[in-house]
């Protein structure tokens, strides 16, 4: 087997691995973006609660696009998830700070993932170009050898 054939096979394998990596990174970017959207809605809701008073009417989502009417009990107490199915009560300001910190952290994570994805895509494009070039060389050799 010629050196070009070995390089061709190595590039083909590397390309498949890179495409898998790109798919995984894209999935992670999508998950980060979905979580960011959810947290931004949470932040907007918390900001809206600041303007409300006790007993203000609210519509609370119960799933499936359905809501029930409720009244705001204590506008300064919020239950916030801290992970692993655990939630704690915080003041409205603490809840907003927590959500803001999570948003900032996820934005950094999203930026880093997008940069990694761009680098992987660039490498995929480079490998494809090299594969095309090698494919042309190998095809010319086969023609010259009368295969």
Protein backbone atom coordinates (compact mmCIF):
# COMPACT_ATOMS: atom_id res chain seq x y z
CA UNK A 1 0.00 0.00 0.00
CA UNK A 2 1.38 3.40 -0.96
CA UNK A 3 1.93 6.25 1.42
CA UNK A 4 -0.91 8.21 -0.20
CA UNK A 5 -3.32 5.32 0.39
CA UNK A 6 -2.31 5.16 4.05
CA UNK A 7 -2.79 8.90 4.41
CA UNK A 8 -6.15 8.62 2.65
CA UNK A 9 -7.36 5.93 5.06
CA UNK A 10 -6.06 7.83 8.10
CA UNK A 11 -7.83 11.01 6.96
CA UNK A 12 -11.07 9.11 6.29
CA UNK A 13 -11.02 7.66 9.82
CA UNK A 14 -10.14 11.02 11.33
CA UNK A 15 -12.95 12.63 9.36
CA UNK A 16 -15.52 10.18 10.77
CA UNK A 17 -14.26 10.86 14.31
CA UNK A 18 -14.37 14.63 13.74
CA UNK A 19 -17.92 14.42 12.39
CA UNK A 20 -18.98 12.52 15.51
CA UNK A 21 -17.28 15.14 17.66
CA UNK A 22 -19.04 17.93 15.75
CA UNK A 23 -22.41 16.23 16.28
CA UNK A 24 -21.74 15.89 20.03
CA UNK A 25 -20.62 19.52 20.30
CA UNK A 26 -23.69 20.69 18.38
CA UNK A 27 -25.92 18.76 20.78
CA UNK A 28 -24.20 20.36 23.76
CA UNK A 29 -24.54 23.84 22.21
CA UNK A 30 -28.26 23.20 21.69
CA UNK A 31 -28.68 22.04 25.29
CA UNK A 32 -26.83 25.11 26.60
CA UNK A 33 -28.98 27.40 24.44
CA UNK A 34 -32.21 25.76 25.65
CA UNK A 35 -31.11 26.11 29.27
CA UNK A 36 -30.11 29.73 28.66
CA UNK A 37 -33.53 30.48 27.22
CA UNK A 38 -35.20 28.93 30.26
CA UNK A 39 -33.01 30.92 32.65
CA UNK A 40 -33.66 34.18 30.81
CA UNK A 41 -37.42 33.59 31.11
CA UNK A 42 -36.86 32.93 34.80
CA UNK A 43 -34.90 36.17 35.17
CA UNK A 44 -37.65 38.15 33.40
CA UNK A 45 -40.26 36.56 35.66
CA UNK A 46 -38.27 37.42 38.77
CA UNK A 47 -37.88 41.00 37.54
CA UNK A 48 -41.65 41.16 36.98
CA UNK A 49 -42.28 39.87 40.49
CA UNK A 50 -40.37 42.84 41.90
CA UNK A 51 -43.17 45.09 40.66
CA UNK A 52 -45.97 43.01 42.17
CA UNK A 53 -47.49 43.20 45.63
CA UNK A 54 -48.85 40.51 47.92
CA UNK A 55 -52.18 39.10 46.66
CA UNK A 56 -51.46 40.17 43.06
CA UNK A 57 -53.26 37.79 40.66
CA UNK A 58 -50.99 35.43 38.71
CA UNK A 59 -51.44 32.69 36.14
CA UNK A 60 -49.34 29.66 37.06
CA UNK A 61 -48.48 27.11 34.34
CA UNK A 62 -49.57 23.57 35.19
CA UNK A 63 -48.33 21.93 31.98
CA UNK A 64 -49.71 21.29 28.53
CA UNK A 65 -50.22 25.00 27.89
CA UNK A 66 -52.72 25.21 30.78
CA UNK A 67 -52.69 27.70 33.64
CA UNK A 68 -54.45 28.25 36.94
CA UNK A 69 -55.11 31.59 38.57
CA UNK A 70 -53.35 32.11 41.88
CA UNK A 71 -52.47 34.99 44.17
CA UNK A 72 -48.96 36.03 45.07
CA UNK A 73 -48.31 35.13 48.69
CA UNK A 74 -44.93 36.60 49.55
CA UNK A 75 -43.20 38.46 46.75
CA UNK A 76 -39.80 38.29 48.46
CA UNK A 77 -39.52 34.49 48.85
CA UNK A 78 -38.54 32.32 45.90
CA UNK A 79 -37.72 28.61 45.78
CA UNK A 80 -34.62 28.06 43.64
CA UNK A 81 -33.19 24.77 42.42
CA UNK A 82 -29.59 24.17 43.46
CA UNK A 83 -29.27 20.94 41.46
CA UNK A 84 -29.78 17.21 41.91
CA UNK A 85 -33.49 17.74 42.59
CA UNK A 86 -32.80 19.97 45.61
CA UNK A 87 -34.31 23.44 45.97
CA UNK A 88 -33.98 26.09 48.67
CA UNK A 89 -35.84 29.23 49.59
CA UNK A 90 -34.10 32.51 48.78
CA UNK A 91 -35.01 36.16 48.76
CA UNK A 92 -36.00 37.65 45.43
CA UNK A 93 -32.65 39.45 45.18
CA UNK A 94 -30.70 36.26 45.97
CA UNK A 95 -32.75 34.34 43.40
CA UNK A 96 -32.06 36.99 40.74
CA UNK A 97 -28.34 36.89 41.59
CA UNK A 98 -28.31 33.08 41.37
CA UNK A 99 -30.08 33.08 38.00
CA UNK A 100 -27.80 35.87 36.74
CA UNK A 101 -24.70 33.89 37.75
CA UNK A 102 -26.00 30.79 35.99
CA UNK A 103 -26.73 32.78 32.84
CA UNK A 104 -23.21 34.26 32.84
CA UNK A 105 -21.66 30.83 33.38
CA UNK A 106 -23.73 29.23 30.61
CA UNK A 107 -22.90 32.06 28.21
CA UNK A 108 -19.19 31.39 28.78
CA UNK A 109 -19.74 27.67 28.32
CA UNK A 110 -21.75 28.27 25.14
CA UNK A 111 -19.04 30.53 23.72
CA UNK A 112 -16.34 27.95 24.47
CA UNK A 113 -18.40 25.15 22.89
CA UNK A 114 -19.08 27.23 19.78
CA UNK A 115 -15.35 27.96 19.42
CA UNK A 116 -14.56 24.25 19.73
CA UNK A 117 -17.24 23.46 17.17
CA UNK A 118 -15.81 26.02 14.73
CA UNK A 119 -12.33 24.50 15.09
CA UNK A 120 -13.69 21.00 14.49
CA UNK A 121 -15.63 22.17 11.43
CA UNK A 122 -12.50 23.85 10.05
CA UNK A 123 -10.55 20.62 10.55
CA UNK A 124 -13.35 18.66 8.83
CA UNK A 125 -13.18 21.01 5.85
CA UNK A 126 -9.37 20.68 5.72
CA UNK A 127 -9.60 16.89 5.83
CA UNK A 128 -12.23 16.82 3.09
CA UNK A 129 -10.03 18.99 0.87
CA UNK A 130 -7.04 16.71 1.50
CA UNK A 131 -9.17 13.63 0.80
CA UNK A 132 -10.34 15.09 -2.50
CA UNK A 133 -6.77 15.89 -3.49
CA UNK A 134 -5.54 12.41 -2.57
CA UNK A 135 -8.50 10.80 -4.27
CA UNK A 136 -7.59 12.62 -7.47
CA UNK A 137 -3.94 11.51 -7.20
CA UNK A 138 -4.90 7.91 -6.52
CA UNK A 139 -7.38 7.95 -9.41
CA UNK A 140 -4.70 9.25 -11.78
CA UNK A 141 -2.30 6.52 -10.62
CA UNK A 142 -4.88 3.82 -11.25
CA UNK A 143 -5.51 5.19 -14.75
CA UNK A 144 -1.78 5.31 -15.46
CA UNK A 145 -1.36 1.75 -14.20
CA UNK A 146 -4.23 0.63 -16.41
CA UNK A 147 -6.42 -0.60 -13.57
